[in-house]
Amino acid sequence: MSKISSLSFAAAPSAALRAPVAVATAHQGKGTGQRLIAHGLDTLRREGVDIAVTYGDPAFYGRIGFKPVSDADLPAPRPLNQPQGWIAQSLTDALLASLRGPARCVTAFGDPALW
């Protein structure tokens, strides 16, 4: 299961924050998670979103185009406990550029335990 939320910045292209994807243990290792993420990214592209961001395992998400970003280049909406997990990718032909904060996301992602 995956959740998507808009992520807004003071002056920036459109961005979406994806919650990490979870796949039941019995179904892991079969590409299910990667297919779910690819489908979500395709949907975001069709909706005109420029940047996808998530906070998860860089090794897993790196397989589908996510790259580490610093909080200075792409501010997180909350302080990060594991900054190496703050990752993003451009959904357009444009390079991923630095964005200006502050970043805001839905209230449900406001719990500090998630960050």
N, C-alpha and C. Protein backbone atom coordinates (compact mmCIF):
# COMPACT_ATOMS: atom_id res chain seq x y z
N MET A 1 0.85 -1.17 0.00
CA MET A 1 0.00 0.00 0.00
C MET A 1 0.89 1.23 0.00
N SER A 2 0.48 2.26 -0.67
CA SER A 2 1.24 3.50 -0.76
C SER A 2 0.27 4.66 -0.67
N LYS A 3 0.71 5.74 -0.06
CA LYS A 3 -0.09 6.96 0.02
C LYS A 3 0.64 8.06 -0.71
N ILE A 4 -0.12 8.96 -1.30
CA ILE A 4 0.46 10.09 -2.01
C ILE A 4 -0.18 11.36 -1.48
N SER A 5 0.64 12.37 -1.26
CA SER A 5 0.18 13.66 -0.77
C SER A 5 0.88 14.75 -1.56
N SER A 6 0.18 15.83 -1.77
CA SER A 6 0.89 16.95 -2.40
C SER A 6 1.91 17.47 -1.40
N LEU A 7 2.98 17.98 -1.92
CA LEU A 7 4.05 18.57 -1.11
C LEU A 7 4.27 19.93 -1.72
N SER A 8 4.02 20.97 -0.96
CA SER A 8 4.11 22.31 -1.54
C SER A 8 5.26 23.09 -0.94
N PHE A 9 5.84 23.93 -1.78
CA PHE A 9 6.95 24.80 -1.41
C PHE A 9 6.55 26.22 -1.73
N ALA A 10 7.33 27.16 -1.21
CA ALA A 10 7.01 28.58 -1.39
C ALA A 10 6.87 28.94 -2.88
N ALA A 11 7.84 28.59 -3.67
CA ALA A 11 7.79 28.87 -5.11
C ALA A 11 8.51 27.73 -5.81
N ALA A 12 7.75 26.78 -6.32
CA ALA A 12 8.40 25.61 -6.89
C ALA A 12 7.48 24.90 -7.88
N PRO A 13 8.05 23.97 -8.63
CA PRO A 13 7.21 23.13 -9.47
C PRO A 13 6.33 22.26 -8.57
N SER A 14 5.35 21.60 -9.16
CA SER A 14 4.48 20.75 -8.36
C SER A 14 5.26 19.51 -7.90
N ALA A 15 5.00 19.11 -6.67
CA ALA A 15 5.68 17.96 -6.08
C ALA A 15 4.67 17.10 -5.34
N ALA A 16 4.96 15.82 -5.24
CA ALA A 16 4.11 14.89 -4.50
C ALA A 16 4.98 14.08 -3.56
N LEU A 17 4.51 13.90 -2.36
CA LEU A 17 5.20 13.10 -1.35
C LEU A 17 4.54 11.74 -1.30
N ARG A 18 5.31 10.71 -1.55
CA ARG A 18 4.81 9.34 -1.48
C ARG A 18 5.25 8.75 -0.16
N ALA A 19 4.31 8.10 0.52
CA ALA A 19 4.68 7.35 1.71
C ALA A 19 5.38 6.08 1.25
N PRO A 20 6.27 5.53 2.06
CA PRO A 20 6.92 4.28 1.66
C PRO A 20 5.89 3.18 1.34
N VAL A 21 6.26 2.34 0.40
CA VAL A 21 5.40 1.24 -0.04
C VAL A 21 5.65 0.03 0.86
N ALA A 22 4.60 -0.66 1.22
CA ALA A 22 4.71 -1.89 2.00
C ALA A 22 4.05 -3.03 1.24
N VAL A 23 4.73 -4.15 1.18
CA VAL A 23 4.21 -5.34 0.52
C VAL A 23 4.26 -6.47 1.54
N ALA A 24 3.18 -7.24 1.63
CA ALA A 24 3.12 -8.36 2.56
C ALA A 24 4.34 -9.27 2.37
N THR A 25 4.90 -9.75 3.47
CA THR A 25 6.12 -10.55 3.44
C THR A 25 6.04 -11.69 2.43
N ALA A 26 4.94 -12.39 2.37
CA ALA A 26 4.80 -13.53 1.45
C ALA A 26 4.90 -13.12 -0.01
N HIS A 27 4.72 -11.85 -0.31
CA HIS A 27 4.73 -11.38 -1.70
C HIS A 27 5.96 -10.54 -2.03
N GLN A 28 6.87 -10.41 -1.08
CA GLN A 28 8.08 -9.61 -1.33
C GLN A 28 9.04 -10.36 -2.24
N GLY A 29 9.88 -9.61 -2.94
CA GLY A 29 10.87 -10.20 -3.83
C GLY A 29 10.33 -10.62 -5.18
N LYS A 30 9.10 -10.25 -5.48
CA LYS A 30 8.48 -10.61 -6.76
C LYS A 30 8.25 -9.40 -7.66
N GLY A 31 8.76 -8.24 -7.26
CA GLY A 31 8.60 -7.04 -8.07
C GLY A 31 7.30 -6.29 -7.84
N THR A 32 6.50 -6.74 -6.90
CA THR A 32 5.20 -6.10 -6.63
C THR A 32 5.37 -4.65 -6.22
N GLY A 33 6.28 -4.40 -5.28
CA GLY A 33 6.50 -3.03 -4.80
C GLY A 33 6.97 -2.11 -5.92
N GLN A 34 7.90 -2.58 -6.73
CA GLN A 34 8.39 -1.75 -7.83
C GLN A 34 7.29 -1.47 -8.84
N ARG A 35 6.43 -2.45 -9.12
CA ARG A 35 5.32 -2.21 -10.06
C ARG A 35 4.32 -1.21 -9.47
N LEU A 36 4.04 -1.30 -8.17
CA LEU A 36 3.15 -0.34 -7.53
C LEU A 36 3.71 1.08 -7.63
N ILE A 37 4.98 1.22 -7.35
CA ILE A 37 5.62 2.53 -7.41
C ILE A 37 5.63 3.07 -8.84
N ALA A 38 5.98 2.22 -9.80
CA ALA A 38 6.00 2.65 -11.21
C ALA A 38 4.61 3.11 -11.64
N HIS A 39 3.58 2.39 -11.24
CA HIS A 39 2.21 2.79 -11.56
C HIS A 39 1.90 4.16 -10.93
N GLY A 40 2.27 4.34 -9.68
CA GLY A 40 2.04 5.63 -9.01
C GLY A 40 2.77 6.77 -9.68
N LEU A 41 4.01 6.53 -10.10
CA LEU A 41 4.79 7.57 -10.79
C LEU A 41 4.17 7.92 -12.14
N ASP A 42 3.70 6.91 -12.86
CA ASP A 42 3.02 7.17 -14.14
C ASP A 42 1.77 8.02 -13.92
N THR A 43 1.03 7.71 -12.88
CA THR A 43 -0.18 8.48 -12.55
C THR A 43 0.19 9.93 -12.24
N LEU A 44 1.23 10.13 -11.45
CA LEU A 44 1.66 11.49 -11.12
C LEU A 44 2.07 12.26 -12.38
N ARG A 45 2.79 11.61 -13.28
CA ARG A 45 3.19 12.26 -14.55
C ARG A 45 1.95 12.70 -15.33
N ARG A 46 0.97 11.81 -15.44
CA ARG A 46 -0.25 12.16 -16.18
C ARG A 46 -0.98 13.33 -15.52
N GLU A 47 -0.86 13.46 -14.21
CA GLU A 47 -1.51 14.55 -13.48
C GLU A 47 -0.69 15.84 -13.52
N GLY A 48 0.47 15.81 -14.16
CA GLY A 48 1.29 17.01 -14.31
C GLY A 48 2.20 17.31 -13.14
N VAL A 49 2.45 16.33 -12.27
CA VAL A 49 3.36 16.54 -11.14
C VAL A 49 4.79 16.49 -11.66
N ASP A 50 5.62 17.42 -11.20
CA ASP A 50 7.00 17.54 -11.67
C ASP A 50 8.00 16.72 -10.88
N ILE A 51 7.78 16.56 -9.57
CA ILE A 51 8.76 15.93 -8.69
C ILE A 51 8.06 14.95 -7.76
N ALA A 52 8.62 13.74 -7.64
CA ALA A 52 8.15 12.76 -6.66
C ALA A 52 9.19 12.67 -5.55
N VAL A 53 8.72 12.67 -4.32
CA VAL A 53 9.60 12.63 -3.14
C VAL A 53 9.11 11.52 -2.23
N THR A 54 10.03 10.83 -1.59
CA THR A 54 9.65 9.87 -0.55
C THR A 54 10.73 9.84 0.52
N TYR A 55 10.41 9.17 1.59
CA TYR A 55 11.33 9.03 2.72
C TYR A 55 11.41 7.54 3.00
N GLY A 56 12.39 6.89 2.39
CA GLY A 56 12.47 5.44 2.50
C GLY A 56 13.88 4.93 2.22
N ASP A 57 13.97 3.66 1.94
CA ASP A 57 15.25 2.98 1.71
C ASP A 57 15.83 3.38 0.35
N PRO A 58 16.96 4.11 0.36
CA PRO A 58 17.55 4.56 -0.91
C PRO A 58 17.94 3.40 -1.83
N ALA A 59 18.33 2.26 -1.27
CA ALA A 59 18.72 1.12 -2.11
C ALA A 59 17.51 0.60 -2.89
N PHE A 60 16.38 0.46 -2.23
CA PHE A 60 15.17 -0.03 -2.90
C PHE A 60 14.66 1.00 -3.90
N TYR A 61 14.46 2.23 -3.46
CA TYR A 61 13.89 3.25 -4.33
C TYR A 61 14.85 3.68 -5.44
N GLY A 62 16.15 3.50 -5.21
CA GLY A 62 17.13 3.83 -6.24
C GLY A 62 16.96 2.98 -7.50
N ARG A 63 16.41 1.78 -7.35
CA ARG A 63 16.18 0.90 -8.49
C ARG A 63 15.15 1.47 -9.45
N ILE A 64 14.34 2.40 -8.97
CA ILE A 64 13.29 2.97 -9.83
C ILE A 64 13.45 4.48 -10.00
N GLY A 65 14.71 4.93 -9.87
CA GLY A 65 15.01 6.30 -10.26
C GLY A 65 15.10 7.34 -9.16
N PHE A 66 14.81 6.98 -7.91
CA PHE A 66 14.94 7.96 -6.83
C PHE A 66 16.40 8.14 -6.47
N LYS A 67 16.77 9.37 -6.15
CA LYS A 67 18.14 9.69 -5.75
C LYS A 67 18.12 10.48 -4.45
N PRO A 68 19.14 10.30 -3.61
CA PRO A 68 19.19 11.06 -2.36
C PRO A 68 19.23 12.57 -2.64
N VAL A 69 18.52 13.31 -1.82
CA VAL A 69 18.56 14.77 -1.87
C VAL A 69 18.80 15.26 -0.45
N SER A 70 19.42 16.41 -0.34
CA SER A 70 19.66 16.96 0.99
C SER A 70 18.46 17.81 1.41
N ASP A 71 18.31 17.93 2.69
CA ASP A 71 17.26 18.78 3.23
C ASP A 71 17.49 20.24 2.84
N ALA A 72 18.73 20.60 2.57
CA ALA A 72 19.04 21.96 2.14
C ALA A 72 18.56 22.21 0.71
N ASP A 73 18.64 21.18 -0.14
CA ASP A 73 18.22 21.32 -1.53
C ASP A 73 16.72 21.10 -1.73
N LEU A 74 16.13 20.26 -0.90
CA LEU A 74 14.71 19.97 -0.98
C LEU A 74 14.22 19.82 0.47
N PRO A 75 13.78 20.92 1.06
CA PRO A 75 13.43 20.90 2.49
C PRO A 75 12.32 19.90 2.80
N ALA A 76 12.53 19.15 3.88
CA ALA A 76 11.51 18.21 4.36
C ALA A 76 10.51 18.98 5.23
N PRO A 77 9.27 18.49 5.28
CA PRO A 77 8.27 19.19 6.10
C PRO A 77 8.49 19.02 7.60
N ARG A 78 9.28 18.04 8.00
CA ARG A 78 9.61 17.79 9.41
C ARG A 78 11.10 17.48 9.49
N PRO A 79 11.71 17.62 10.67
CA PRO A 79 13.12 17.21 10.83
C PRO A 79 13.28 15.71 10.53
N LEU A 80 14.35 15.37 9.84
CA LEU A 80 14.59 13.99 9.41
C LEU A 80 15.46 13.23 10.41
N ASN A 81 14.98 12.08 10.89
CA ASN A 81 15.78 11.23 11.76
C ASN A 81 16.82 10.45 10.96
N GLN A 82 16.53 10.15 9.71
CA GLN A 82 17.44 9.42 8.83
C GLN A 82 17.55 10.17 7.50
N PRO A 83 18.37 11.23 7.47
CA PRO A 83 18.45 12.08 6.27
C PRO A 83 18.79 11.32 4.99
N GLN A 84 19.48 10.19 5.10
CA GLN A 84 19.83 9.42 3.90
C GLN A 84 18.59 8.86 3.21
N GLY A 85 17.47 8.81 3.90
CA GLY A 85 16.24 8.28 3.33
C GLY A 85 15.40 9.32 2.61
N TRP A 86 15.83 10.58 2.59
CA TRP A 86 15.10 11.66 1.91
C TRP A 86 15.53 11.61 0.45
N ILE A 87 14.64 11.14 -0.44
CA ILE A 87 14.99 10.87 -1.82
C ILE A 87 13.91 11.40 -2.75
N ALA A 88 14.32 11.70 -3.98
CA ALA A 88 13.36 12.28 -4.93
C ALA A 88 13.77 11.95 -6.36
N GLN A 89 12.85 12.24 -7.28
CA GLN A 89 13.16 12.14 -8.69
C GLN A 89 12.30 13.11 -9.48
N SER A 90 12.88 13.60 -10.56
CA SER A 90 12.14 14.45 -11.48
C SER A 90 11.24 13.56 -12.32
N LEU A 91 10.01 14.00 -12.54
CA LEU A 91 9.07 13.25 -13.38
C LEU A 91 8.98 13.87 -14.77
N THR A 92 9.85 14.82 -15.04
CA THR A 92 9.90 15.49 -16.34
C THR A 92 11.31 15.33 -16.89
N ASP A 93 11.58 15.97 -18.01
CA ASP A 93 12.92 15.95 -18.58
C ASP A 93 13.86 16.91 -17.86
N ALA A 94 13.32 17.77 -17.00
CA ALA A 94 14.14 18.75 -16.28
C ALA A 94 14.94 18.08 -15.17
N LEU A 95 16.12 18.62 -14.92
CA LEU A 95 16.92 18.14 -13.80
C LEU A 95 16.25 18.54 -12.50
N LEU A 96 16.48 17.76 -11.47
CA LEU A 96 15.95 18.06 -10.15
C LEU A 96 16.76 19.23 -9.58
N ALA A 97 16.10 20.36 -9.39
CA ALA A 97 16.78 21.55 -8.91
C ALA A 97 16.46 21.79 -7.44
N SER A 98 17.23 22.64 -6.81
CA SER A 98 16.97 23.00 -5.42
C SER A 98 15.63 23.71 -5.31
N LEU A 99 14.92 23.46 -4.23
CA LEU A 99 13.63 24.08 -3.99
C LEU A 99 13.69 24.91 -2.72
N ARG A 100 12.88 25.93 -2.66
CA ARG A 100 12.86 26.79 -1.48
C ARG A 100 11.73 26.37 -0.56
N GLY A 101 12.02 26.34 0.72
CA GLY A 101 11.03 25.97 1.74
C GLY A 101 10.29 27.18 2.23
N PRO A 102 9.47 27.02 3.19
CA PRO A 102 9.26 25.75 3.89
C PRO A 102 8.36 24.82 3.08
N ALA A 103 8.53 23.53 3.34
CA ALA A 103 7.70 22.51 2.70
C ALA A 103 6.50 22.22 3.58
N ARG A 104 5.37 21.97 2.94
CA ARG A 104 4.15 21.62 3.68
C ARG A 104 3.53 20.39 3.05
N CYS A 105 2.98 19.52 3.90
CA CYS A 105 2.28 18.33 3.41
C CYS A 105 1.01 18.16 4.25
N VAL A 106 0.26 17.11 3.97
CA VAL A 106 -1.00 16.89 4.67
C VAL A 106 -0.75 16.66 6.16
N THR A 107 -1.74 16.99 6.97
CA THR A 107 -1.65 16.87 8.42
C THR A 107 -1.30 15.46 8.86
N ALA A 108 -1.81 14.45 8.17
CA ALA A 108 -1.54 13.05 8.54
C ALA A 108 -0.06 12.73 8.55
N PHE A 109 0.74 13.42 7.75
CA PHE A 109 2.18 13.19 7.73
C PHE A 109 2.91 14.08 8.73
N GLY A 110 2.18 14.79 9.59
CA GLY A 110 2.79 15.70 10.54
C GLY A 110 3.32 15.04 11.79
N ASP A 111 3.06 13.77 11.99
CA ASP A 111 3.52 13.04 13.18
C ASP A 111 5.03 12.93 13.15
N PRO A 112 5.74 13.49 14.15
CA PRO A 112 7.21 13.44 14.16
C PRO A 112 7.77 12.01 14.14
N ALA A 113 7.00 11.03 14.61
CA ALA A 113 7.47 9.63 14.61
C ALA A 113 7.67 9.10 13.20
N LEU A 114 7.01 9.69 12.22
CA LEU A 114 7.16 9.26 10.83
C LEU A 114 8.45 9.76 10.20
N TRP A 115 9.07 10.72 10.81
CA TRP A 115 10.22 11.38 10.21
C TRP A 115 11.50 11.03 10.93
